[in-house]
Structure formats: C-alpha cells, structure tokens
Amino acid sequence: MKIYTKTGDKGTTALFGGTRVAKHNIRIDAYGTVDELNSWLGLIRDQQVDEHTQKTLIFIQDRLFTIGSELATDPKKAVLKSGKERLQIDKISGDNIELLETEMDQMNEELPPITHFVLPGGHTTVSYCHIARTVCRRAERMVSNLYEKEPFDPSVLSYLNRLSDYLFVLARKLSKDLKAEEINWIPKKND
C-alpha cells in the first residue's frame, strides 16, 4: 500500500464515509489539531517521566485517536443506507473522563496548593507539557466550533476540557519530580 494517493492534490480530503471536503474545513482543523496534540503527548512520553505517567499518556493517546475517528466521520454518512445502527466507532466514555479526574486528584495530593497562575517553563519536559496544554485548548476551541455546526458525542468536548486540566497538573507534578522551579505570575504594579 502506498502512503501517497494523490487524491488530495487539489486541496480536498475524504472523511470516513467518503465525503470530500476542503483541507481547511473546520472538521479537518479540529481533528488535525487533536492529532497535533497527540504528537506532543508522544514527545512528553519520550522524556524522563515515570512509568505510570508513560502508561497514562499512552492510554490518552489512544483516546485521542478515538476522538479523531469521531471527528473524521461524516455525520450524514455515519448511518448505513439501510437505516441500521451507526458505524461502530469507539466512543469516549464517562470512565475515560473519570480517569483523568482521578489522575489529577492523585497528583494534586502531592503538590503544594496553587495560589497564582504559573509561568510555563522551568524544564524542557515541563515546557512540552505546557505546549501540549495550550494545543489541547486550541483543539477544544475548534471542536466546540464544529459541535455548534454539526453536533456529535458531547463527551468529546468534556474529555478535551478535562485533558487540558490534566496537562496543567501534570506540568506541576513534573516540575516537582524534576526539581524545576515553579514561578508564580504575580502582576506588577505600575509605578
């Protein structure tokens, strides 16, 4: 099987179901940004992080492929012509969202309370985590925009919202693990 098909040479791509759309379509932007996020998580996983975090990130990466599949499916063609059930695409579950919440709760137990915004940085791995968090927020904005136009499973929105929170807490945990300085943002007063 060749990787290149030449079918996108004129600026269109196919959704699951066969519908062709422009490569700048909001649906493509949405799942493309989820894919970008997945790549950033791979980079974090490749750093010196503990085994539990690596396994959790692998699970999250799997869930992001599930979200990508949901977003890449033409909702009009997701129902079979005979009117039977939708194509079998795995869904984000409440358990998936709860896992992120549980992970955050466990990490927060070992962290000092947060009293200010935190400036991203302190260590390369922590910075990667903050970049992933901001890409996740961008993905969430794009997915939210798509949801207004063509609704789909709302748990996708919940998952991305929770994932950005998870990445913030993970950045704080990694700062602690790597003994990186966490710098609080304290607004300056005009003199």
N, C-alpha and C. Protein backbone atom coordinates (compact mmCIF):
# COMPACT_ATOMS: atom_id res chain seq x y z
N MET A 1 0.84 -1.18 0.00
CA MET A 1 0.00 0.00 0.00
C MET A 1 0.89 1.24 0.00
N LYS A 2 0.64 2.15 -0.91
CA LYS A 2 1.39 3.40 -0.97
C LYS A 2 0.81 4.39 0.01
N ILE A 3 1.68 5.20 0.59
CA ILE A 3 1.25 6.23 1.52
C ILE A 3 0.59 7.38 0.76
N TYR A 4 1.11 7.69 -0.40
CA TYR A 4 0.54 8.80 -1.16
C TYR A 4 -0.52 8.29 -2.13
N THR A 5 -1.62 9.04 -2.20
CA THR A 5 -2.73 8.66 -3.08
C THR A 5 -2.97 9.68 -4.18
N LYS A 6 -2.45 10.85 -4.02
CA LYS A 6 -2.61 11.98 -4.96
C LYS A 6 -4.04 12.52 -4.99
N THR A 7 -4.94 11.96 -4.16
CA THR A 7 -6.33 12.42 -4.18
C THR A 7 -6.50 13.77 -3.49
N GLY A 8 -5.52 14.19 -2.73
CA GLY A 8 -5.61 15.48 -2.04
C GLY A 8 -4.85 16.58 -2.73
N ASP A 9 -4.37 16.33 -3.93
CA ASP A 9 -3.54 17.30 -4.63
C ASP A 9 -4.26 18.60 -4.98
N LYS A 10 -5.57 18.59 -4.94
CA LYS A 10 -6.32 19.80 -5.28
C LYS A 10 -6.94 20.44 -4.05
N GLY A 11 -6.41 20.09 -2.86
CA GLY A 11 -6.85 20.76 -1.63
C GLY A 11 -8.07 20.18 -0.96
N THR A 12 -8.41 18.93 -1.28
CA THR A 12 -9.53 18.29 -0.59
C THR A 12 -9.05 16.99 0.04
N THR A 13 -9.84 16.50 0.96
CA THR A 13 -9.56 15.22 1.61
C THR A 13 -10.88 14.51 1.88
N ALA A 14 -10.81 13.22 2.14
CA ALA A 14 -12.03 12.44 2.37
C ALA A 14 -12.25 12.19 3.85
N LEU A 15 -13.49 12.33 4.27
CA LEU A 15 -13.89 11.93 5.62
C LEU A 15 -14.23 10.45 5.60
N PHE A 16 -14.32 9.82 6.79
CA PHE A 16 -14.84 8.46 6.83
C PHE A 16 -16.26 8.52 6.31
N GLY A 17 -16.58 7.70 5.37
CA GLY A 17 -17.88 7.74 4.72
C GLY A 17 -17.76 8.22 3.28
N GLY A 18 -16.57 8.78 2.94
CA GLY A 18 -16.29 9.13 1.55
C GLY A 18 -16.51 10.57 1.15
N THR A 19 -17.20 11.36 1.94
CA THR A 19 -17.44 12.75 1.59
C THR A 19 -16.11 13.49 1.49
N ARG A 20 -15.94 14.27 0.42
CA ARG A 20 -14.73 15.06 0.25
C ARG A 20 -15.01 16.49 0.72
N VAL A 21 -14.06 17.02 1.46
CA VAL A 21 -14.16 18.39 1.97
C VAL A 21 -12.82 19.09 1.75
N ALA A 22 -12.85 20.41 1.82
CA ALA A 22 -11.61 21.19 1.70
C ALA A 22 -10.71 20.89 2.90
N LYS A 23 -9.42 20.91 2.66
CA LYS A 23 -8.48 20.62 3.75
C LYS A 23 -8.49 21.70 4.83
N HIS A 24 -9.09 22.84 4.54
CA HIS A 24 -9.21 23.89 5.55
C HIS A 24 -10.58 23.87 6.24
N ASN A 25 -11.39 22.85 5.99
CA ASN A 25 -12.69 22.67 6.63
C ASN A 25 -12.50 22.60 8.15
N ILE A 26 -13.43 23.17 8.90
CA ILE A 26 -13.32 23.18 10.37
C ILE A 26 -13.20 21.77 10.93
N ARG A 27 -13.82 20.80 10.30
CA ARG A 27 -13.73 19.41 10.77
C ARG A 27 -12.27 18.92 10.65
N ILE A 28 -11.60 19.27 9.55
CA ILE A 28 -10.22 18.85 9.35
C ILE A 28 -9.31 19.59 10.33
N ASP A 29 -9.56 20.89 10.52
CA ASP A 29 -8.80 21.65 11.52
C ASP A 29 -8.94 21.04 12.90
N ALA A 30 -10.16 20.62 13.24
CA ALA A 30 -10.42 20.07 14.57
C ALA A 30 -9.65 18.77 14.78
N TYR A 31 -9.82 17.79 13.88
CA TYR A 31 -9.12 16.53 14.13
C TYR A 31 -7.63 16.63 13.84
N GLY A 32 -7.24 17.58 12.98
CA GLY A 32 -5.81 17.81 12.77
C GLY A 32 -5.14 18.36 14.02
N THR A 33 -5.83 19.21 14.75
CA THR A 33 -5.27 19.76 15.99
C THR A 33 -5.24 18.70 17.08
N VAL A 34 -6.21 17.81 17.10
CA VAL A 34 -6.18 16.68 18.04
C VAL A 34 -4.98 15.79 17.71
N ASP A 35 -4.70 15.59 16.43
CA ASP A 35 -3.53 14.81 16.01
C ASP A 35 -2.24 15.50 16.44
N GLU A 36 -2.18 16.83 16.29
CA GLU A 36 -1.00 17.58 16.74
C GLU A 36 -0.81 17.39 18.25
N LEU A 37 -1.89 17.48 19.00
CA LEU A 37 -1.83 17.26 20.45
C LEU A 37 -1.27 15.88 20.75
N ASN A 38 -1.73 14.87 20.01
CA ASN A 38 -1.27 13.51 20.22
C ASN A 38 0.25 13.41 20.04
N SER A 39 0.77 14.13 19.06
CA SER A 39 2.21 14.13 18.82
C SER A 39 2.97 14.77 19.97
N TRP A 40 2.44 15.86 20.51
CA TRP A 40 3.08 16.48 21.67
C TRP A 40 3.09 15.53 22.87
N LEU A 41 1.99 14.78 23.05
CA LEU A 41 1.96 13.82 24.16
C LEU A 41 3.02 12.74 23.96
N GLY A 42 3.24 12.33 22.71
CA GLY A 42 4.31 11.37 22.42
C GLY A 42 5.66 11.93 22.81
N LEU A 43 5.88 13.21 22.56
CA LEU A 43 7.15 13.84 22.93
C LEU A 43 7.32 13.87 24.45
N ILE A 44 6.26 14.18 25.16
CA ILE A 44 6.32 14.17 26.63
C ILE A 44 6.64 12.76 27.13
N ARG A 45 5.97 11.78 26.54
CA ARG A 45 6.16 10.38 26.95
C ARG A 45 7.61 9.93 26.71
N ASP A 46 8.26 10.51 25.71
CA ASP A 46 9.64 10.14 25.39
C ASP A 46 10.66 10.78 26.32
N GLN A 47 10.22 11.66 27.21
CA GLN A 47 11.12 12.30 28.16
C GLN A 47 11.32 11.39 29.37
N GLN A 48 12.09 11.84 30.31
CA GLN A 48 12.33 11.05 31.51
C GLN A 48 11.17 11.27 32.49
N VAL A 49 10.08 10.56 32.23
CA VAL A 49 8.92 10.61 33.13
C VAL A 49 8.71 9.20 33.69
N ASP A 50 8.04 9.14 34.81
CA ASP A 50 7.84 7.86 35.48
C ASP A 50 6.98 6.92 34.63
N GLU A 51 7.07 5.64 34.91
CA GLU A 51 6.38 4.61 34.14
C GLU A 51 4.86 4.78 34.17
N HIS A 52 4.32 5.15 35.33
CA HIS A 52 2.88 5.34 35.44
C HIS A 52 2.41 6.45 34.49
N THR A 53 3.15 7.56 34.47
CA THR A 53 2.80 8.67 33.58
C THR A 53 2.91 8.22 32.13
N GLN A 54 3.93 7.46 31.79
CA GLN A 54 4.06 6.97 30.42
C GLN A 54 2.85 6.13 30.02
N LYS A 55 2.45 5.22 30.88
CA LYS A 55 1.30 4.36 30.58
C LYS A 55 0.01 5.18 30.46
N THR A 56 -0.14 6.16 31.33
CA THR A 56 -1.34 7.02 31.26
C THR A 56 -1.34 7.80 29.96
N LEU A 57 -0.19 8.31 29.55
CA LEU A 57 -0.11 9.06 28.30
C LEU A 57 -0.42 8.18 27.09
N ILE A 58 0.03 6.94 27.12
CA ILE A 58 -0.30 6.01 26.03
C ILE A 58 -1.81 5.80 25.96
N PHE A 59 -2.45 5.63 27.10
CA PHE A 59 -3.90 5.47 27.13
C PHE A 59 -4.59 6.72 26.58
N ILE A 60 -4.11 7.90 26.98
CA ILE A 60 -4.69 9.15 26.50
C ILE A 60 -4.50 9.27 24.99
N GLN A 61 -3.32 8.89 24.49
CA GLN A 61 -3.08 8.94 23.05
C GLN A 61 -4.07 8.05 22.30
N ASP A 62 -4.36 6.89 22.85
CA ASP A 62 -5.36 6.01 22.25
C ASP A 62 -6.72 6.71 22.21
N ARG A 63 -7.09 7.37 23.29
CA ARG A 63 -8.38 8.06 23.34
C ARG A 63 -8.42 9.22 22.33
N LEU A 64 -7.28 9.86 22.11
CA LEU A 64 -7.25 10.94 21.12
C LEU A 64 -7.46 10.40 19.71
N PHE A 65 -6.99 9.18 19.43
CA PHE A 65 -7.29 8.57 18.13
C PHE A 65 -8.80 8.29 18.03
N THR A 66 -9.41 7.90 19.13
CA THR A 66 -10.86 7.70 19.15
C THR A 66 -11.58 9.00 18.83
N ILE A 67 -11.13 10.08 19.46
CA ILE A 67 -11.73 11.39 19.19
C ILE A 67 -11.52 11.77 17.73
N GLY A 68 -10.32 11.54 17.21
CA GLY A 68 -10.06 11.83 15.80
C GLY A 68 -10.99 11.07 14.88
N SER A 69 -11.24 9.80 15.21
CA SER A 69 -12.16 8.99 14.39
C SER A 69 -13.57 9.57 14.41
N GLU A 70 -14.01 9.99 15.58
CA GLU A 70 -15.34 10.60 15.71
C GLU A 70 -15.42 11.86 14.85
N LEU A 71 -14.39 12.69 14.94
CA LEU A 71 -14.40 13.96 14.22
C LEU A 71 -14.22 13.79 12.72
N ALA A 72 -13.55 12.71 12.31
CA ALA A 72 -13.28 12.48 10.88
C ALA A 72 -14.42 11.76 10.17
N THR A 73 -15.49 11.48 10.88
CA THR A 73 -16.61 10.76 10.29
C THR A 73 -17.70 11.74 9.87
N ASP A 74 -18.10 11.65 8.62
CA ASP A 74 -19.20 12.47 8.12
C ASP A 74 -20.47 12.04 8.83
N PRO A 75 -21.09 12.94 9.63
CA PRO A 75 -22.28 12.53 10.39
C PRO A 75 -23.44 12.09 9.49
N LYS A 76 -23.51 12.62 8.27
CA LYS A 76 -24.60 12.23 7.37
C LYS A 76 -24.40 10.83 6.83
N LYS A 77 -23.17 10.37 6.76
CA LYS A 77 -22.89 9.06 6.20
C LYS A 77 -22.54 8.04 7.28
N ALA A 78 -22.63 8.45 8.53
CA ALA A 78 -22.33 7.52 9.62
C ALA A 78 -23.48 6.53 9.84
N VAL A 79 -24.62 6.79 9.24
CA VAL A 79 -25.74 5.86 9.30
C VAL A 79 -25.74 5.05 8.01
N LEU A 80 -25.81 3.75 8.14
CA LEU A 80 -25.81 2.88 6.97
C LEU A 80 -27.05 3.13 6.12
N LYS A 81 -26.94 2.91 4.82
CA LYS A 81 -28.04 3.20 3.90
C LYS A 81 -29.32 2.46 4.27
N SER A 82 -29.22 1.31 4.86
CA SER A 82 -30.41 0.55 5.21
C SER A 82 -31.13 1.13 6.43
N GLY A 83 -30.54 2.20 7.02
CA GLY A 83 -31.16 2.82 8.19
C GLY A 83 -30.80 2.12 9.49
N LYS A 84 -29.87 1.18 9.41
CA LYS A 84 -29.47 0.46 10.62
C LYS A 84 -28.61 1.35 11.51
N GLU A 85 -28.04 0.75 12.54
CA GLU A 85 -27.25 1.50 13.51
C GLU A 85 -26.06 2.18 12.86
N ARG A 86 -25.54 3.16 13.57
CA ARG A 86 -24.35 3.88 13.11
C ARG A 86 -23.18 2.92 12.96
N LEU A 87 -22.22 3.36 12.15
CA LEU A 87 -20.98 2.60 12.05
C LEU A 87 -20.37 2.47 13.45
N GLN A 88 -19.72 1.39 13.70
CA GLN A 88 -19.17 1.15 15.03
C GLN A 88 -17.86 1.90 15.23
N ILE A 89 -17.97 3.09 15.77
CA ILE A 89 -16.80 3.88 16.14
C ILE A 89 -16.77 3.93 17.65
N ASP A 90 -15.63 3.59 18.20
CA ASP A 90 -15.47 3.64 19.65
C ASP A 90 -15.80 5.05 20.13
N LYS A 91 -16.31 5.17 21.32
CA LYS A 91 -16.71 6.46 21.90
C LYS A 91 -15.90 6.76 23.15
N ILE A 92 -15.82 8.03 23.46
CA ILE A 92 -15.24 8.45 24.74
C ILE A 92 -16.29 8.16 25.80
N SER A 93 -15.88 7.54 26.88
CA SER A 93 -16.84 7.18 27.92
C SER A 93 -16.64 8.05 29.16
N GLY A 94 -17.62 7.99 30.02
CA GLY A 94 -17.51 8.66 31.30
C GLY A 94 -16.32 8.14 32.10
N ASP A 95 -16.01 6.86 31.95
CA ASP A 95 -14.85 6.28 32.63
C ASP A 95 -13.55 6.92 32.15
N ASN A 96 -13.48 7.25 30.87
CA ASN A 96 -12.28 7.90 30.33
C ASN A 96 -12.08 9.27 30.97
N ILE A 97 -13.17 10.00 31.12
CA ILE A 97 -13.11 11.33 31.75
C ILE A 97 -12.78 11.20 33.23
N GLU A 98 -13.39 10.22 33.86
CA GLU A 98 -13.14 9.98 35.29
C GLU A 98 -11.69 9.60 35.55
N LEU A 99 -11.06 8.87 34.64
CA LEU A 99 -9.65 8.51 34.79
C LEU A 99 -8.79 9.77 34.87
N LEU A 100 -9.05 10.75 34.02
CA LEU A 100 -8.29 11.99 34.06
C LEU A 100 -8.49 12.70 35.39
N GLU A 101 -9.72 12.71 35.89
CA GLU A 101 -10.01 13.35 37.17
C GLU A 101 -9.29 12.64 38.31
N THR A 102 -9.30 11.31 38.29
CA THR A 102 -8.61 10.53 39.33
C THR A 102 -7.11 10.79 39.29
N GLU A 103 -6.55 10.81 38.08
CA GLU A 103 -5.12 11.10 37.94
C GLU A 103 -4.77 12.47 38.49
N MET A 104 -5.61 13.47 38.19
CA MET A 104 -5.36 14.82 38.70
C MET A 104 -5.45 14.86 40.22
N ASP A 105 -6.46 14.20 40.77
CA ASP A 105 -6.62 14.18 42.22
C ASP A 105 -5.40 13.56 42.90
N GLN A 106 -4.90 12.46 42.34
CA GLN A 106 -3.73 11.79 42.92
C GLN A 106 -2.48 12.67 42.84
N MET A 107 -2.28 13.33 41.69
CA MET A 107 -1.11 14.21 41.56
C MET A 107 -1.22 15.40 42.50
N ASN A 108 -2.42 15.97 42.61
CA ASN A 108 -2.62 17.16 43.44
C ASN A 108 -2.36 16.89 44.91
N GLU A 109 -2.56 15.64 45.36
CA GLU A 109 -2.31 15.29 46.76
C GLU A 109 -0.85 15.53 47.15
N GLU A 110 0.05 15.43 46.18
CA GLU A 110 1.48 15.57 46.47
C GLU A 110 2.03 16.95 46.10
N LEU A 111 1.16 17.85 45.63
CA LEU A 111 1.62 19.18 45.20
C LEU A 111 1.17 20.24 46.18
N PRO A 112 1.97 21.31 46.30
CA PRO A 112 1.52 22.42 47.15
C PRO A 112 0.30 23.09 46.50
N PRO A 113 -0.56 23.68 47.31
CA PRO A 113 -1.73 24.36 46.75
C PRO A 113 -1.30 25.45 45.77
N ILE A 114 -2.09 25.64 44.76
CA ILE A 114 -1.77 26.67 43.78
C ILE A 114 -2.43 27.98 44.23
N THR A 115 -1.65 29.03 44.27
CA THR A 115 -2.16 30.33 44.75
C THR A 115 -2.12 31.40 43.66
N HIS A 116 -1.39 31.13 42.58
CA HIS A 116 -1.25 32.09 41.48
C HIS A 116 -1.23 31.32 40.16
N PHE A 117 -1.32 32.07 39.07
CA PHE A 117 -1.02 31.46 37.78
C PHE A 117 0.45 31.09 37.79
N VAL A 118 0.81 30.09 36.99
CA VAL A 118 2.19 29.61 36.93
C VAL A 118 2.75 29.93 35.55
N LEU A 119 3.95 30.51 35.52
CA LEU A 119 4.60 30.77 34.25
C LEU A 119 5.10 29.45 33.66
N PRO A 120 4.75 29.16 32.40
CA PRO A 120 5.26 27.93 31.78
C PRO A 120 6.78 27.94 31.73
N GLY A 121 7.38 26.80 31.96
CA GLY A 121 8.83 26.68 31.87
C GLY A 121 9.44 26.05 33.11
N GLY A 122 10.74 26.15 33.21
CA GLY A 122 11.48 25.60 34.33
C GLY A 122 12.28 24.37 33.96
N HIS A 123 11.81 23.65 32.96
CA HIS A 123 12.48 22.44 32.47
C HIS A 123 11.87 22.12 31.10
N THR A 124 12.67 21.59 30.20
CA THR A 124 12.17 21.29 28.86
C THR A 124 10.93 20.40 28.89
N THR A 125 10.94 19.37 29.71
CA THR A 125 9.80 18.45 29.78
C THR A 125 8.55 19.17 30.27
N VAL A 126 8.71 20.04 31.24
CA VAL A 126 7.58 20.81 31.76
C VAL A 126 7.05 21.74 30.67
N SER A 127 7.96 22.35 29.92
CA SER A 127 7.55 23.24 28.82
C SER A 127 6.77 22.47 27.76
N TYR A 128 7.22 21.27 27.42
CA TYR A 128 6.48 20.45 26.46
C TYR A 128 5.05 20.20 26.95
N CYS A 129 4.93 19.98 28.24
CA CYS A 129 3.62 19.73 28.84
C CYS A 129 2.72 20.96 28.71
N HIS A 130 3.29 22.14 28.94
CA HIS A 130 2.50 23.37 28.80
C HIS A 130 2.13 23.62 27.34
N ILE A 131 3.02 23.30 26.41
CA ILE A 131 2.68 23.44 25.00
C ILE A 131 1.53 22.50 24.66
N ALA A 132 1.61 21.26 25.13
CA ALA A 132 0.52 20.30 24.89
C ALA A 132 -0.79 20.82 25.47
N ARG A 133 -0.73 21.44 26.64
CA ARG A 133 -1.93 22.00 27.27
C ARG A 133 -2.55 23.08 26.39
N THR A 134 -1.73 23.96 25.83
CA THR A 134 -2.27 25.03 25.01
C THR A 134 -2.79 24.50 23.67
N VAL A 135 -2.14 23.48 23.12
CA VAL A 135 -2.65 22.85 21.90
C VAL A 135 -3.98 22.18 22.20
N CYS A 136 -4.09 21.57 23.37
CA CYS A 136 -5.35 20.95 23.78
C CYS A 136 -6.46 21.99 23.87
N ARG A 137 -6.17 23.15 24.41
CA ARG A 137 -7.17 24.22 24.49
C ARG A 137 -7.58 24.69 23.09
N ARG A 138 -6.60 24.77 22.18
CA ARG A 138 -6.93 25.15 20.80
C ARG A 138 -7.82 24.08 20.16
N ALA A 139 -7.48 22.82 20.38
CA ALA A 139 -8.30 21.73 19.86
C ALA A 139 -9.72 21.83 20.42
N GLU A 140 -9.81 22.13 21.69
CA GLU A 140 -11.12 22.25 22.33
C GLU A 140 -11.94 23.38 21.70
N ARG A 141 -11.28 24.51 21.40
CA ARG A 141 -11.99 25.62 20.76
C ARG A 141 -12.49 25.23 19.37
N MET A 142 -11.65 24.53 18.62
CA MET A 142 -12.04 24.12 17.27
C MET A 142 -13.15 23.08 17.30
N VAL A 143 -13.04 22.14 18.22
CA VAL A 143 -14.05 21.09 18.35
C VAL A 143 -15.38 21.71 18.80
N SER A 144 -15.31 22.69 19.68
CA SER A 144 -16.52 23.38 20.13
C SER A 144 -17.19 24.11 18.96
N ASN A 145 -16.39 24.74 18.13
CA ASN A 145 -16.92 25.43 16.95
C ASN A 145 -17.61 24.42 16.02
N LEU A 146 -16.96 23.29 15.79
CA LEU A 146 -17.55 22.25 14.95
C LEU A 146 -18.85 21.73 15.57
N TYR A 147 -18.84 21.53 16.88
CA TYR A 147 -20.02 21.00 17.58
C TYR A 147 -21.24 21.91 17.39
N GLU A 148 -21.02 23.24 17.36
CA GLU A 148 -22.14 24.17 17.14
C GLU A 148 -22.75 23.97 15.76
N LYS A 149 -21.94 23.62 14.78
CA LYS A 149 -22.41 23.48 13.40
C LYS A 149 -22.94 22.07 13.11
N GLU A 150 -22.24 21.07 13.61
CA GLU A 150 -22.59 19.66 13.34
C GLU A 150 -22.39 18.85 14.62
N PRO A 151 -23.40 18.81 15.49
CA PRO A 151 -23.24 18.13 16.79
C PRO A 151 -22.81 16.67 16.66
N PHE A 152 -22.07 16.22 17.65
CA PHE A 152 -21.60 14.85 17.76
C PHE A 152 -21.60 14.51 19.25
N ASP A 153 -21.00 13.43 19.63
CA ASP A 153 -20.99 12.99 21.03
C ASP A 153 -20.37 14.09 21.92
N PRO A 154 -21.15 14.69 22.82
CA PRO A 154 -20.63 15.79 23.64
C PRO A 154 -19.53 15.37 24.62
N SER A 155 -19.36 14.08 24.85
CA SER A 155 -18.28 13.65 25.76
C SER A 155 -16.91 13.99 25.19
N VAL A 156 -16.82 14.20 23.87
CA VAL A 156 -15.56 14.62 23.26
C VAL A 156 -15.15 15.98 23.83
N LEU A 157 -16.10 16.89 23.93
CA LEU A 157 -15.81 18.21 24.49
C LEU A 157 -15.39 18.11 25.95
N SER A 158 -16.10 17.29 26.71
CA SER A 158 -15.76 17.11 28.14
C SER A 158 -14.36 16.55 28.28
N TYR A 159 -14.03 15.57 27.44
CA TYR A 159 -12.72 14.92 27.54
C TYR A 159 -11.60 15.92 27.26
N LEU A 160 -11.74 16.71 26.21
CA LEU A 160 -10.69 17.68 25.89
C LEU A 160 -10.56 18.74 26.98
N ASN A 161 -11.69 19.16 27.54
CA ASN A 161 -11.66 20.13 28.62
C ASN A 161 -10.90 19.57 29.82
N ARG A 162 -11.20 18.35 30.18
CA ARG A 162 -10.54 17.72 31.32
C ARG A 162 -9.07 17.44 31.03
N LEU A 163 -8.78 17.07 29.77
CA LEU A 163 -7.40 16.76 29.40
C LEU A 163 -6.50 17.98 29.54
N SER A 164 -6.98 19.16 29.18
CA SER A 164 -6.14 20.34 29.34
C SER A 164 -5.85 20.60 30.82
N ASP A 165 -6.84 20.36 31.67
CA ASP A 165 -6.61 20.48 33.12
C ASP A 165 -5.57 19.45 33.59
N TYR A 166 -5.72 18.22 33.10
CA TYR A 166 -4.77 17.15 33.44
C TYR A 166 -3.34 17.57 33.05
N LEU A 167 -3.19 18.14 31.87
CA LEU A 167 -1.85 18.52 31.41
C LEU A 167 -1.25 19.64 32.26
N PHE A 168 -2.10 20.53 32.77
CA PHE A 168 -1.61 21.56 33.67
C PHE A 168 -1.10 20.94 34.97
N VAL A 169 -1.89 20.04 35.53
CA VAL A 169 -1.48 19.39 36.78
C VAL A 169 -0.24 18.52 36.54
N LEU A 170 -0.19 17.83 35.40
CA LEU A 170 0.99 17.03 35.07
C LEU A 170 2.23 17.91 34.98
N ALA A 171 2.10 19.10 34.39
CA ALA A 171 3.25 20.02 34.31
C ALA A 171 3.74 20.37 35.71
N ARG A 172 2.83 20.61 36.64
CA ARG A 172 3.22 20.91 38.02
C ARG A 172 3.89 19.71 38.67
N LYS A 173 3.34 18.52 38.43
CA LYS A 173 3.93 17.30 39.00
C LYS A 173 5.35 17.10 38.45
N LEU A 174 5.50 17.28 37.14
CA LEU A 174 6.81 17.10 36.53
C LEU A 174 7.80 18.14 37.04
N SER A 175 7.33 19.36 37.30
CA SER A 175 8.20 20.38 37.91
C SER A 175 8.74 19.87 39.24
N LYS A 176 7.84 19.29 40.03
CA LYS A 176 8.26 18.75 41.33
C LYS A 176 9.22 17.58 41.15
N ASP A 177 8.87 16.63 40.27
CA ASP A 177 9.70 15.44 40.06
C ASP A 177 11.09 15.81 39.55
N LEU A 178 11.15 16.82 38.69
CA LEU A 178 12.41 17.19 38.05
C LEU A 178 13.14 18.29 38.82
N LYS A 179 12.56 18.66 39.96
CA LYS A 179 13.14 19.71 40.81
C LYS A 179 13.34 21.02 40.04
N ALA A 180 12.36 21.30 39.20
CA ALA A 180 12.37 22.55 38.42
C ALA A 180 11.65 23.63 39.21
N GLU A 181 12.12 24.84 39.09
CA GLU A 181 11.49 25.95 39.79
C GLU A 181 10.14 26.27 39.14
N GLU A 182 9.12 26.38 39.97
CA GLU A 182 7.80 26.78 39.50
C GLU A 182 7.64 28.25 39.86
N ILE A 183 7.55 29.09 38.84
CA ILE A 183 7.49 30.53 39.06
C ILE A 183 6.04 31.00 38.96
N ASN A 184 5.58 31.61 40.03
CA ASN A 184 4.23 32.16 40.06
C ASN A 184 4.19 33.48 39.30
N TRP A 185 3.09 33.72 38.62
CA TRP A 185 2.88 35.02 37.97
C TRP A 185 2.22 35.93 38.98
N ILE A 186 2.92 36.98 39.33
CA ILE A 186 2.38 37.97 40.27
C ILE A 186 2.33 39.30 39.49
N PRO A 187 1.13 39.80 39.24
CA PRO A 187 1.01 41.02 38.45
C PRO A 187 1.85 42.16 39.03
N LYS A 188 2.52 42.86 38.16
CA LYS A 188 3.33 44.00 38.57
C LYS A 188 2.44 45.23 38.69
N LYS A 189 2.74 46.06 39.66
CA LYS A 189 2.01 47.32 39.82
C LYS A 189 2.73 48.38 39.02
N ASN A 190 1.96 49.23 38.37
CA ASN A 190 2.56 50.36 37.65
C ASN A 190 3.11 51.34 38.64
N ASP A 191 4.30 51.79 38.36
CA ASP A 191 4.92 52.78 39.27
C ASP A 191 4.56 54.20 38.89
